[in-house]
Amino acid sequence: MIYLVPDMDAEVIPGKSAAGFELGILFDDFIKQIKYKNIKYRCDFDPQVDKKGMWRIFHRDEMTFNFDHINEISCNWENSVELVFDMNKLGKLTWIYLYEGYKGKLLKMLGIGDRLDLVKDEFDFDFYGDVHYLKYKEGSLHYGDIVGVEIGTNYLVEYSDEHPDQIVVGFGVYIFRD
């Protein structure tokens, strides 16, 4: 049997896909095609002991302090790709997080390990909640629109003249809200 593994070179497509996975796929279909290990706690991973080439699955089912019910399943691949399925939404894939080791590019321009300012001529930056977003510049057909991908950097501050040397450490691809 051939098991489903991430495509570490796949393009990062906002609101649609990354690592070869389409947002919206169902967990029940995904789990039938993978080799995996269930873990009880998020920190139950030891790279010295755990096998490579196997998904780690963590089910988070809890109530927050303000009584929001979180019911999601995170599937991690070698600390480079994380798929998050929202079990409150029929088990649909709603987030794809990409980290070190992922080689695909966002908009065929920006990858993990690149300097954020690599795209400053084409985009402005928005900063919210410790992550950056690309925003189309004036004169663009999509002026003012945000590219719907979170961009994590090695700094937790907004890109600026004082902090221009930020390095991309991760992407978060998500389903756009209706």
Protein backbone atom coordinates (compact mmCIF):
# COMPACT_ATOMS: atom_id res chain seq x y z
CA MET A 1 0.00 0.00 0.00
CA ILE A 2 1.23 3.50 -0.83
CA TYR A 3 0.71 5.94 2.02
CA LEU A 4 -0.12 9.62 1.67
CA VAL A 5 2.82 11.93 2.45
CA PRO A 6 3.28 15.69 2.02
CA ASP A 7 4.72 17.14 -1.17
CA MET A 8 7.41 19.32 0.39
CA ASP A 9 7.85 21.27 -2.87
CA ALA A 10 4.18 22.06 -3.60
CA GLU A 11 3.22 25.66 -4.15
CA VAL A 12 1.51 27.47 -1.24
CA ILE A 13 -1.88 28.58 -2.63
CA PRO A 14 -3.81 31.00 -0.39
CA GLY A 15 -7.19 29.70 0.72
CA LYS A 16 -6.72 26.52 -1.26
CA SER A 17 -3.78 24.19 -0.68
CA ALA A 18 -0.22 23.45 0.41
CA ALA A 19 1.96 20.36 0.73
CA GLY A 20 -0.28 18.65 -1.82
CA PHE A 21 -3.38 18.85 0.41
CA GLU A 22 -6.57 20.73 -0.47
CA LEU A 23 -8.33 22.61 2.30
CA GLY A 24 -11.74 21.09 2.96
CA ILE A 25 -10.74 17.42 2.64
CA LEU A 26 -12.28 15.21 5.31
CA PHE A 27 -10.33 13.63 8.15
CA ASP A 28 -12.14 10.30 7.67
CA ASP A 29 -10.84 10.10 4.10
CA PHE A 30 -7.34 11.31 5.06
CA ILE A 31 -6.75 8.80 7.88
CA LYS A 32 -7.53 5.83 5.62
CA GLN A 33 -4.53 6.77 3.45
CA ILE A 34 -1.80 7.38 6.02
CA LYS A 35 0.55 5.59 8.36
CA TYR A 36 0.21 7.20 11.78
CA LYS A 37 0.74 7.14 15.52
CA ASN A 38 -1.74 8.61 18.00
CA ILE A 39 -0.17 10.75 20.70
CA LYS A 40 -1.77 11.69 23.99
CA TYR A 41 0.02 14.99 24.56
CA ARG A 42 1.24 17.49 21.98
CA CYS A 43 4.77 17.24 23.38
CA ASP A 44 4.89 13.42 23.03
CA PHE A 45 7.38 13.48 20.18
CA ASP A 46 10.98 12.43 20.38
CA PRO A 47 12.78 12.71 17.02
CA GLN A 48 15.41 10.26 18.27
CA VAL A 49 12.79 7.55 18.89
CA ASP A 50 9.80 8.24 16.64
CA LYS A 51 9.88 6.86 13.11
CA LYS A 52 10.27 9.18 10.18
CA GLY A 53 7.67 8.84 7.47
CA MET A 54 4.79 8.56 9.92
CA TRP A 55 2.08 11.07 10.83
CA ARG A 56 1.61 11.97 14.50
CA ILE A 57 -2.04 12.55 15.37
CA PHE A 58 -3.20 14.59 18.36
CA HIS A 59 -6.90 15.04 19.18
CA ARG A 60 -7.70 18.22 21.10
CA ASP A 61 -11.19 18.12 22.60
CA GLU A 62 -11.66 20.71 25.31
CA MET A 63 -13.66 23.68 26.52
CA THR A 64 -11.95 27.08 26.73
CA PHE A 65 -12.30 29.49 29.63
CA ASN A 66 -15.08 31.33 27.75
CA PHE A 67 -16.90 28.05 26.96
CA ASP A 68 -15.89 27.67 23.32
CA HIS A 69 -15.68 24.00 22.41
CA ILE A 70 -12.45 23.16 20.61
CA ASN A 71 -12.62 19.82 18.84
CA GLU A 72 -9.80 19.49 16.36
CA ILE A 73 -7.31 16.91 15.18
CA SER A 74 -3.75 17.94 14.36
CA CYS A 75 -1.71 15.72 12.07
CA ASN A 76 2.03 16.43 12.07
CA TRP A 77 4.65 15.32 9.61
CA GLU A 78 8.24 15.48 10.90
CA ASN A 79 7.78 18.99 12.37
CA SER A 80 7.50 20.43 8.85
CA VAL A 81 3.78 20.11 8.03
CA GLU A 82 0.76 20.28 10.31
CA LEU A 83 -2.79 19.66 9.09
CA VAL A 84 -5.64 20.76 11.36
CA PHE A 85 -9.08 19.20 10.92
CA ASP A 86 -12.02 20.95 12.61
CA MET A 87 -14.18 18.16 14.01
CA ASN A 88 -16.93 20.71 14.75
CA LYS A 89 -17.14 21.24 10.97
CA LEU A 90 -17.59 17.65 9.81
CA GLY A 91 -13.86 16.94 10.16
CA LYS A 92 -12.79 19.29 7.37
CA LEU A 93 -9.19 20.36 6.89
CA THR A 94 -9.26 24.06 7.82
CA TRP A 95 -5.57 24.89 8.41
CA ILE A 96 -2.24 23.84 6.94
CA TYR A 97 0.87 25.00 8.79
CA LEU A 98 4.29 24.78 7.14
CA TYR A 99 7.64 25.00 8.91
CA GLU A 100 11.37 24.42 8.42
CA GLY A 101 12.05 21.78 5.80
CA TYR A 102 9.16 22.84 3.59
CA LYS A 103 10.47 23.98 0.19
CA GLY A 104 7.33 25.21 -1.61
CA LYS A 105 6.87 28.92 -2.30
CA LEU A 106 4.05 31.37 -1.66
CA LEU A 107 3.08 33.12 -4.91
CA LYS A 108 6.16 31.48 -6.48
CA MET A 109 8.22 34.12 -4.67
CA LEU A 110 8.56 33.61 -0.94
CA GLY A 111 9.68 30.51 0.93
CA ILE A 112 10.64 29.44 4.41
CA GLY A 113 14.14 30.69 5.13
CA ASP A 114 13.75 33.70 2.81
CA ARG A 115 13.92 37.30 4.00
CA LEU A 116 10.48 38.87 4.24
CA ASP A 117 11.70 41.97 2.42
CA LEU A 118 12.25 39.84 -0.69
CA VAL A 119 8.67 40.78 -1.68
CA LYS A 120 8.55 44.38 -0.41
CA ASP A 121 8.60 45.83 -3.95
CA GLU A 122 5.45 43.90 -4.89
CA PHE A 123 3.59 43.95 -1.56
CA ASP A 124 3.00 45.99 1.55
CA PHE A 125 2.87 44.20 4.90
CA ASP A 126 0.09 43.95 7.45
CA PHE A 127 0.87 42.69 10.92
CA TYR A 128 -1.63 41.15 13.30
CA GLY A 129 -1.27 38.69 16.17
CA ASP A 130 2.47 38.07 15.73
CA VAL A 131 2.21 37.21 12.02
CA HIS A 132 2.54 39.13 8.78
CA TYR A 133 0.22 39.22 5.80
CA LEU A 134 1.02 40.43 2.31
CA LYS A 135 -1.16 43.26 1.03
CA TYR A 136 -1.32 44.27 -2.62
CA LYS A 137 0.23 47.68 -3.31
CA GLU A 138 -1.39 50.67 -4.91
CA GLY A 139 -1.49 50.26 -8.68
CA SER A 140 -2.16 46.54 -8.44
CA LEU A 141 -5.35 45.06 -9.84
CA HIS A 142 -6.00 43.72 -6.32
CA TYR A 143 -4.96 46.91 -4.48
CA GLY A 144 -5.69 46.71 -0.75
CA ASP A 145 -6.53 42.99 -0.75
CA ILE A 146 -4.74 40.74 1.70
CA VAL A 147 -3.10 37.51 0.56
CA GLY A 148 -4.77 35.00 2.90
CA VAL A 149 -1.69 33.27 4.29
CA GLU A 150 -0.15 33.90 7.69
CA ILE A 151 3.59 34.47 7.52
CA GLY A 152 5.56 33.80 10.67
CA THR A 153 9.01 35.33 11.01
CA ASN A 154 11.88 35.01 13.44
CA TYR A 155 10.77 38.33 14.96
CA LEU A 156 7.47 38.84 16.75
CA VAL A 157 7.29 42.47 15.69
CA GLU A 158 6.01 44.26 12.63
CA TYR A 159 8.30 44.61 9.62
CA SER A 160 9.82 48.12 9.62
CA ASP A 161 12.99 50.04 8.91
CA GLU A 162 14.10 49.14 12.46
CA HIS A 163 13.35 45.41 11.86
CA PRO A 164 13.95 44.79 8.14
CA ASP A 165 15.97 41.58 8.37
CA GLN A 166 13.11 39.22 9.26
CA ILE A 167 13.33 35.61 8.08
CA VAL A 168 10.23 33.57 7.20
CA VAL A 169 9.92 30.60 9.59
CA GLY A 170 6.44 29.39 8.69
CA PHE A 171 3.19 29.77 6.77
CA GLY A 172 -0.40 29.21 7.82
CA VAL A 173 -2.85 28.46 5.00
CA TYR A 174 -6.52 28.58 5.95
CA ILE A 175 -10.04 28.51 4.59
CA PHE A 176 -11.28 32.03 4.04
CA ARG A 177 -14.35 32.97 6.06
CA ASP A 178 -17.63 33.28 4.22
